[in-house]
Amino acid sequence: MHNFENRRDRYEAFASFEKPLVNLSFELEVPEFRPFCKERGLPPFHFFLYHVLHGLAGIDNFMYRVHKGEVIKIKDFWASYTVINQDQNLNFARFEMTPDLQEFVARSVEAKKVAEASATIINKSEDLSDYDKRRNIHITCMPWLKLTSIEHPIYEHKDYDIPSLAWGRFSDPRDDGKLTMTMSVQAHHGFVDGYHIHLLAQAIATRLAQTMAQ
């Protein structure tokens, strides 16, 4: 928690706000990873999700939460994201994170199938303990749309401490071997500044490039 103590005064300032959130939408530029996935039989969404979530886990600021009135740093979080079920209604996939790429993809694919098959909503935060509710990252992807911005539904802005990420349709392949998408990152401004969102964008691109170079 040493890093947090260096910004506790910033947290206390923003925690007094009625809406202490920062929400940035930006163009994320990453290596074109879809041919790599196709060669190896990896579903692109799950491959990309792996690098997004592990990028988040490597930045302290996205791991801070408020639990029982105190700021804590969680050690890990659920892998979770929105799914459209067979009735074309929203549902939630959730599974335990793992550093192994193949195992992560397998768990993610299975969790998606379970959420797609359920007519009732599953994996709600209300099913978790108070601490496990904090072990969360909200992820949504809208591949049908070129995302420009998003506003997430929030029960109470003042106490909201779970980072929320969204992205839309990927661009067509570029001549320079890159692809882009609009990504939105929302987080408690007491923990996260625009600089940390920049670090996340860098981490995602770097992790993708490193995996593809192996």
C-alpha atoms as a PDB file:
ATOM      1  CA  MET A   1       0.000   0.000   0.000  1.00  0.00           C
ATOM      2  CA  HIS A   2       3.058   2.287  -0.122  1.00  0.00           C
ATOM      3  CA  ASN A   3       2.072   3.582  -3.556  1.00  0.00           C
ATOM      4  CA  PHE A   4      -1.405   4.413  -2.311  1.00  0.00           C
ATOM      5  CA  GLU A   5      -0.115   6.364   0.687  1.00  0.00           C
ATOM      6  CA  ASN A   6       1.672   8.641  -1.786  1.00  0.00           C
ATOM      7  CA  ARG A   7      -1.709   9.634  -3.214  1.00  0.00           C
ATOM      8  CA  ARG A   8      -3.975   9.310  -0.176  1.00  0.00           C
ATOM      9  CA  ASP A   9      -4.581  13.072  -0.232  1.00  0.00           C
ATOM     10  CA  ARG A  10      -5.793  12.781  -3.849  1.00  0.00           C
ATOM     11  CA  TYR A  11      -8.097   9.940  -2.850  1.00  0.00           C
ATOM     12  CA  GLU A  12      -9.525  11.904   0.060  1.00  0.00           C
ATOM     13  CA  ALA A  13     -10.132  14.896  -2.210  1.00  0.00           C
ATOM     14  CA  PHE A  14     -11.989  12.922  -4.878  1.00  0.00           C
ATOM     15  CA  ALA A  15     -13.803  10.725  -2.324  1.00  0.00           C
ATOM     16  CA  SER A  16     -15.633  13.852  -1.170  1.00  0.00           C
ATOM     17  CA  PHE A  17     -17.136  14.286  -4.650  1.00  0.00           C
ATOM     18  CA  GLU A  18     -20.662  13.137  -5.432  1.00  0.00           C
ATOM     19  CA  LYS A  19     -19.310  11.569  -8.650  1.00  0.00           C
ATOM     20  CA  PRO A  20     -15.587  10.821  -8.170  1.00  0.00           C
ATOM     21  CA  LEU A  21     -15.135   8.962 -11.455  1.00  0.00           C
ATOM     22  CA  VAL A  22     -12.868   9.496 -14.429  1.00  0.00           C
ATOM     23  CA  ASN A  23     -14.047   8.027 -17.740  1.00  0.00           C
ATOM     24  CA  LEU A  24     -11.826   8.241 -20.816  1.00  0.00           C
ATOM     25  CA  SER A  25     -12.528   6.970 -24.314  1.00  0.00           C
ATOM     26  CA  PHE A  26      -9.501   6.742 -26.583  1.00  0.00           C
ATOM     27  CA  GLU A  27      -8.152   4.966 -29.643  1.00  0.00           C
ATOM     28  CA  LEU A  28      -6.187   1.915 -28.556  1.00  0.00           C
ATOM     29  CA  GLU A  29      -3.516   0.851 -31.039  1.00  0.00           C
ATOM     30  CA  VAL A  30      -2.261  -2.735 -30.763  1.00  0.00           C
ATOM     31  CA  PRO A  31      -0.505  -5.292 -32.985  1.00  0.00           C
ATOM     32  CA  GLU A  32      -2.815  -7.036 -35.447  1.00  0.00           C
ATOM     33  CA  PHE A  33      -3.256 -10.262 -33.482  1.00  0.00           C
ATOM     34  CA  ARG A  34      -6.101 -11.940 -35.374  1.00  0.00           C
ATOM     35  CA  PRO A  35      -3.904 -13.859 -37.872  1.00  0.00           C
ATOM     36  CA  PHE A  36      -1.799 -15.060 -34.913  1.00  0.00           C
ATOM     37  CA  CYS A  37      -4.971 -16.320 -33.218  1.00  0.00           C
ATOM     38  CA  LYS A  38      -6.233 -17.995 -36.379  1.00  0.00           C
ATOM     39  CA  GLU A  39      -2.973 -19.906 -36.855  1.00  0.00           C
ATOM     40  CA  ARG A  40      -3.168 -21.237 -33.293  1.00  0.00           C
ATOM     41  CA  GLY A  41      -6.902 -21.800 -33.004  1.00  0.00           C
ATOM     42  CA  LEU A  42      -7.339 -19.097 -30.352  1.00  0.00           C
ATOM     43  CA  PRO A  43     -10.606 -17.091 -30.252  1.00  0.00           C
ATOM     44  CA  PRO A  44      -9.542 -13.431 -30.715  1.00  0.00           C
ATOM     45  CA  PHE A  45     -11.889 -11.991 -28.066  1.00  0.00           C
ATOM     46  CA  HIS A  46     -10.666 -14.349 -25.341  1.00  0.00           C
ATOM     47  CA  PHE A  47      -7.034 -13.860 -26.392  1.00  0.00           C
ATOM     48  CA  PHE A  48      -7.448 -10.084 -26.203  1.00  0.00           C
ATOM     49  CA  LEU A  49      -9.325 -10.305 -22.883  1.00  0.00           C
ATOM     50  CA  TYR A  50      -6.421 -12.263 -21.399  1.00  0.00           C
ATOM     51  CA  HIS A  51      -4.026  -9.407 -22.147  1.00  0.00           C
ATOM     52  CA  VAL A  52      -6.438  -6.697 -21.003  1.00  0.00           C
ATOM     53  CA  LEU A  53      -7.036  -8.316 -17.611  1.00  0.00           C
ATOM     54  CA  HIS A  54      -3.394  -9.159 -16.998  1.00  0.00           C
ATOM     55  CA  GLY A  55      -2.460  -5.637 -18.017  1.00  0.00           C
ATOM     56  CA  LEU A  56      -4.862  -4.308 -15.377  1.00  0.00           C
ATOM     57  CA  ALA A  57      -3.495  -6.661 -12.722  1.00  0.00           C
ATOM     58  CA  GLY A  58       0.000  -5.266 -13.257  1.00  0.00           C
ATOM     59  CA  ILE A  59      -0.957  -1.681 -12.345  1.00  0.00           C
ATOM     60  CA  ASP A  60      -1.524  -1.042  -8.624  1.00  0.00           C
ATOM     61  CA  ASN A  61      -3.955   1.813  -9.164  1.00  0.00           C
ATOM     62  CA  PHE A  62      -6.544  -0.480 -10.752  1.00  0.00           C
ATOM     63  CA  MET A  63      -6.319  -2.843  -7.769  1.00  0.00           C
ATOM     64  CA  TYR A  64      -7.357  -0.416  -5.028  1.00  0.00           C
ATOM     65  CA  ARG A  65     -10.825  -0.785  -3.509  1.00  0.00           C
ATOM     66  CA  VAL A  66     -12.796   0.502  -0.544  1.00  0.00           C
ATOM     67  CA  HIS A  67     -13.749  -2.271   1.896  1.00  0.00           C
ATOM     68  CA  LYS A  68     -15.485  -1.561   5.201  1.00  0.00           C
ATOM     69  CA  GLY A  69     -14.554   2.096   4.941  1.00  0.00           C
ATOM     70  CA  GLU A  70     -10.854   1.460   4.376  1.00  0.00           C
ATOM     71  CA  VAL A  71      -8.790   1.475   1.185  1.00  0.00           C
ATOM     72  CA  ILE A  72      -7.338  -1.950   0.421  1.00  0.00           C
ATOM     73  CA  LYS A  73      -5.380  -3.468  -2.448  1.00  0.00           C
ATOM     74  CA  ILE A  74      -6.939  -6.663  -3.763  1.00  0.00           C
ATOM     75  CA  LYS A  75      -4.569  -9.483  -4.698  1.00  0.00           C
ATOM     76  CA  ASP A  76      -6.566 -10.717  -7.691  1.00  0.00           C
ATOM     77  CA  PHE A  77      -9.962 -10.424  -9.329  1.00  0.00           C
ATOM     78  CA  TRP A  78     -12.558 -12.412 -11.203  1.00  0.00           C
ATOM     79  CA  ALA A  79     -12.425 -12.610 -14.957  1.00  0.00           C
ATOM     80  CA  SER A  80     -15.885 -11.403 -15.922  1.00  0.00           C
ATOM     81  CA  TYR A  81     -17.608  -9.900 -18.941  1.00  0.00           C
ATOM     82  CA  THR A  82     -21.017  -9.388 -20.506  1.00  0.00           C
ATOM     83  CA  VAL A  83     -22.555 -12.002 -22.803  1.00  0.00           C
ATOM     84  CA  ILE A  84     -25.663 -12.039 -24.989  1.00  0.00           C
ATOM     85  CA  ASN A  85     -27.743 -15.138 -24.213  1.00  0.00           C
ATOM     86  CA  GLN A  86     -29.999 -17.154 -26.523  1.00  0.00           C
ATOM     87  CA  ASP A  87     -32.851 -14.693 -25.912  1.00  0.00           C
ATOM     88  CA  GLN A  88     -30.610 -11.776 -26.948  1.00  0.00           C
ATOM     89  CA  ASN A  89     -30.567 -10.563 -23.356  1.00  0.00           C
ATOM     90  CA  LEU A  90     -27.632  -9.502 -21.220  1.00  0.00           C
ATOM     91  CA  ASN A  91     -25.896 -12.060 -19.021  1.00  0.00           C
ATOM     92  CA  PHE A  92     -22.585 -12.322 -17.200  1.00  0.00           C
ATOM     93  CA  ALA A  93     -19.718 -14.777 -17.650  1.00  0.00           C
ATOM     94  CA  ARG A  94     -17.379 -15.214 -14.686  1.00  0.00           C
ATOM     95  CA  PHE A  95     -14.404 -17.460 -13.957  1.00  0.00           C
ATOM     96  CA  GLU A  96     -11.176 -17.571 -11.964  1.00  0.00           C
ATOM     97  CA  MET A  97      -8.170 -15.850 -13.498  1.00  0.00           C
ATOM     98  CA  THR A  98      -5.072 -17.855 -14.442  1.00  0.00           C
ATOM     99  CA  PRO A  99      -1.677 -16.793 -15.823  1.00  0.00           C
ATOM    100  CA  ASP A 100      -1.711 -19.663 -18.324  1.00  0.00           C
ATOM    101  CA  LEU A 101      -3.040 -18.434 -21.672  1.00  0.00           C
ATOM    102  CA  GLN A 102      -4.457 -21.734 -22.898  1.00  0.00           C
ATOM    103  CA  GLU A 103      -6.192 -22.438 -19.596  1.00  0.00           C
ATOM    104  CA  PHE A 104      -7.526 -18.875 -19.435  1.00  0.00           C
ATOM    105  CA  VAL A 105      -9.035 -19.198 -22.924  1.00  0.00           C
ATOM    106  CA  ALA A 106     -10.568 -22.586 -22.072  1.00  0.00           C
ATOM    107  CA  ARG A 107     -12.150 -21.226 -18.874  1.00  0.00           C
ATOM    108  CA  SER A 108     -13.381 -18.118 -20.669  1.00  0.00           C
ATOM    109  CA  VAL A 109     -14.968 -20.073 -23.515  1.00  0.00           C
ATOM    110  CA  GLU A 110     -16.711 -22.387 -21.056  1.00  0.00           C
ATOM    111  CA  ALA A 111     -17.957 -19.487 -18.910  1.00  0.00           C
ATOM    112  CA  LYS A 112     -19.338 -17.822 -22.045  1.00  0.00           C
ATOM    113  CA  LYS A 113     -21.242 -20.986 -23.003  1.00  0.00           C
ATOM    114  CA  VAL A 114     -22.796 -21.204 -19.530  1.00  0.00           C
ATOM    115  CA  ALA A 115     -23.895 -17.562 -19.602  1.00  0.00           C
ATOM    116  CA  GLU A 116     -25.267 -17.881 -23.137  1.00  0.00           C
ATOM    117  CA  ALA A 117     -27.325 -20.924 -22.174  1.00  0.00           C
ATOM    118  CA  SER A 118     -28.913 -19.359 -19.085  1.00  0.00           C
ATOM    119  CA  ALA A 119     -32.263 -17.621 -19.546  1.00  0.00           C
ATOM    120  CA  THR A 120     -31.987 -16.089 -16.063  1.00  0.00           C
ATOM    121  CA  ILE A 121     -29.266 -13.646 -15.125  1.00  0.00           C
ATOM    122  CA  ILE A 122     -26.285 -15.283 -13.392  1.00  0.00           C
ATOM    123  CA  ASN A 123     -23.026 -14.261 -11.729  1.00  0.00           C
ATOM    124  CA  LYS A 124     -24.483 -11.136 -10.150  1.00  0.00           C
ATOM    125  CA  SER A 125     -22.408  -9.301  -7.543  1.00  0.00           C
ATOM    126  CA  GLU A 126     -25.214  -9.810  -5.043  1.00  0.00           C
ATOM    127  CA  ASP A 127     -24.215 -13.486  -4.914  1.00  0.00           C
ATOM    128  CA  LEU A 128     -20.756 -12.623  -3.509  1.00  0.00           C
ATOM    129  CA  SER A 129     -19.393 -11.716  -0.083  1.00  0.00           C
ATOM    130  CA  ASP A 130     -18.639  -8.056   0.598  1.00  0.00           C
ATOM    131  CA  TYR A 131     -14.937  -8.666  -0.037  1.00  0.00           C
ATOM    132  CA  ASP A 132     -15.462 -10.706  -3.200  1.00  0.00           C
ATOM    133  CA  LYS A 133     -17.684  -7.943  -4.580  1.00  0.00           C
ATOM    134  CA  ARG A 134     -14.553  -5.795  -4.535  1.00  0.00           C
ATOM    135  CA  ARG A 135     -12.638  -8.473  -6.469  1.00  0.00           C
ATOM    136  CA  ASN A 136     -14.166  -7.441  -9.732  1.00  0.00           C
ATOM    137  CA  ILE A 137     -13.511  -5.713 -13.041  1.00  0.00           C
ATOM    138  CA  HIS A 138     -16.455  -4.832 -15.273  1.00  0.00           C
ATOM    139  CA  ILE A 139     -15.843  -5.678 -18.932  1.00  0.00           C
ATOM    140  CA  THR A 140     -18.122  -5.249 -21.915  1.00  0.00           C
ATOM    141  CA  CYS A 141     -17.465  -5.552 -25.633  1.00  0.00           C
ATOM    142  CA  MET A 142     -19.778  -4.344 -28.403  1.00  0.00           C
ATOM    143  CA  PRO A 143     -18.256  -5.737 -31.619  1.00  0.00           C
ATOM    144  CA  TRP A 144     -21.171  -4.529 -33.748  1.00  0.00           C
ATOM    145  CA  LEU A 145     -20.501  -0.835 -33.082  1.00  0.00           C
ATOM    146  CA  LYS A 146     -17.677   1.625 -33.584  1.00  0.00           C
ATOM    147  CA  LEU A 147     -17.647   2.826 -29.993  1.00  0.00           C
ATOM    148  CA  THR A 148     -17.175   6.543 -29.340  1.00  0.00           C
ATOM    149  CA  SER A 149     -18.162   6.778 -25.672  1.00  0.00           C
ATOM    150  CA  ILE A 150     -20.188   5.007 -23.016  1.00  0.00           C
ATOM    151  CA  GLU A 151     -21.869   5.763 -19.691  1.00  0.00           C
ATOM    152  CA  HIS A 152     -22.139   2.761 -17.383  1.00  0.00           C
ATOM    153  CA  PRO A 153     -25.127   2.195 -15.071  1.00  0.00           C
ATOM    154  CA  ILE A 154     -24.034   2.853 -11.491  1.00  0.00           C
ATOM    155  CA  TYR A 155     -26.039   2.279  -8.320  1.00  0.00           C
ATOM    156  CA  GLU A 156     -24.196   4.898  -6.252  1.00  0.00           C
ATOM    157  CA  HIS A 157     -21.566   7.066  -7.908  1.00  0.00           C
ATOM    158  CA  LYS A 158     -20.005   8.207  -4.646  1.00  0.00           C
ATOM    159  CA  ASP A 159     -19.065   4.699  -3.475  1.00  0.00           C
ATOM    160  CA  TYR A 160     -18.208   3.207  -6.869  1.00  0.00           C
ATOM    161  CA  ASP A 161     -14.695   1.737  -6.928  1.00  0.00           C
ATOM    162  CA  ILE A 162     -14.821  -1.050  -9.547  1.00  0.00           C
ATOM    163  CA  PRO A 163     -13.020  -0.219 -12.821  1.00  0.00           C
ATOM    164  CA  SER A 164     -15.196  -0.612 -15.919  1.00  0.00           C
ATOM    165  CA  LEU A 165     -13.795  -1.199 -19.408  1.00  0.00           C
ATOM    166  CA  ALA A 166     -15.575  -1.295 -22.743  1.00  0.00           C
ATOM    167  CA  TRP A 167     -14.509  -1.548 -26.349  1.00  0.00           C
ATOM    168  CA  GLY A 168     -16.211  -1.784 -29.701  1.00  0.00           C
ATOM    169  CA  ARG A 169     -15.514  -3.007 -33.205  1.00  0.00           C
ATOM    170  CA  PHE A 170     -11.921  -3.578 -34.269  1.00  0.00           C
ATOM    171  CA  SER A 171     -10.629  -1.643 -37.260  1.00  0.00           C
ATOM    172  CA  ASP A 172      -9.733  -3.283 -40.556  1.00  0.00           C
ATOM    173  CA  PRO A 173      -6.086  -4.425 -40.792  1.00  0.00           C
ATOM    174  CA  ARG A 174      -3.664  -1.564 -41.383  1.00  0.00           C
ATOM    175  CA  ASP A 175      -0.621  -1.575 -43.642  1.00  0.00           C
ATOM    176  CA  ASP A 176       1.662  -1.052 -40.647  1.00  0.00           C
ATOM    177  CA  GLY A 177       0.550  -4.296 -38.990  1.00  0.00           C
ATOM    178  CA  LYS A 178      -1.575  -2.569 -36.342  1.00  0.00           C
ATOM    179  CA  LEU A 179      -5.267  -2.470 -35.573  1.00  0.00           C
ATOM    180  CA  THR A 180      -7.241   0.002 -33.522  1.00  0.00           C
ATOM    181  CA  MET A 181     -10.410   0.137 -31.497  1.00  0.00           C
ATOM    182  CA  THR A 182     -12.023   2.696 -29.231  1.00  0.00           C
ATOM    183  CA  MET A 183     -11.623   1.690 -25.605  1.00  0.00           C
ATOM    184  CA  SER A 184     -13.352   3.294 -22.639  1.00  0.00           C
ATOM    185  CA  VAL A 185     -11.892   3.059 -19.141  1.00  0.00           C
ATOM    186  CA  GLN A 186     -13.810   4.236 -16.090  1.00  0.00           C
ATOM    187  CA  ALA A 187     -12.377   4.200 -12.570  1.00  0.00           C
ATOM    188  CA  HIS A 188     -12.400   6.042  -9.254  1.00  0.00           C
ATOM    189  CA  HIS A 189     -10.339   9.200  -9.766  1.00  0.00           C
ATOM    190  CA  GLY A 190      -9.010   8.884  -6.236  1.00  0.00           C
ATOM    191  CA  PHE A 191      -7.102   5.831  -7.454  1.00  0.00           C
ATOM    192  CA  VAL A 192      -6.678   6.307 -11.193  1.00  0.00           C
ATOM    193  CA  ASP A 193      -5.556   9.282 -13.286  1.00  0.00           C
ATOM    194  CA  GLY A 194      -5.377   9.623 -17.050  1.00  0.00           C
ATOM    195  CA  TYR A 195      -1.700   8.658 -16.779  1.00  0.00           C
ATOM    196  CA  HIS A 196      -2.578   5.235 -15.368  1.00  0.00           C
ATOM    197  CA  ILE A 197      -5.038   4.667 -18.219  1.00  0.00           C
ATOM    198  CA  HIS A 198      -2.152   5.499 -20.563  1.00  0.00           C
ATOM    199  CA  LEU A 199      -0.037   2.892 -18.745  1.00  0.00           C
ATOM    200  CA  LEU A 200      -2.800   0.334 -19.236  1.00  0.00           C
ATOM    201  CA  ALA A 201      -2.976   1.055 -22.974  1.00  0.00           C
ATOM    202  CA  GLN A 202       0.799   0.565 -23.173  1.00  0.00           C
ATOM    203  CA  ALA A 203       0.653  -2.644 -21.130  1.00  0.00           C
ATOM    204  CA  ILE A 204      -2.016  -4.214 -23.363  1.00  0.00           C
ATOM    205  CA  ALA A 205      -0.091  -3.450 -26.561  1.00  0.00           C
ATOM    206  CA  THR A 206       3.230  -4.601 -25.067  1.00  0.00           C
ATOM    207  CA  ARG A 207       1.809  -7.861 -23.708  1.00  0.00           C
ATOM    208  CA  LEU A 208       0.192  -8.690 -27.046  1.00  0.00           C
ATOM    209  CA  ALA A 209       3.456  -8.030 -28.897  1.00  0.00           C
ATOM    210  CA  GLN A 210       5.451 -10.153 -26.440  1.00  0.00           C
ATOM    211  CA  THR A 211       3.068 -13.091 -26.741  1.00  0.00           C
ATOM    212  CA  MET A 212       3.107 -12.926 -30.535  1.00  0.00           C
ATOM    213  CA  ALA A 213       6.928 -12.851 -30.540  1.00  0.00           C
ATOM    214  CA  GLN A 214       7.214 -16.112 -28.600  1.00  0.00           C
END
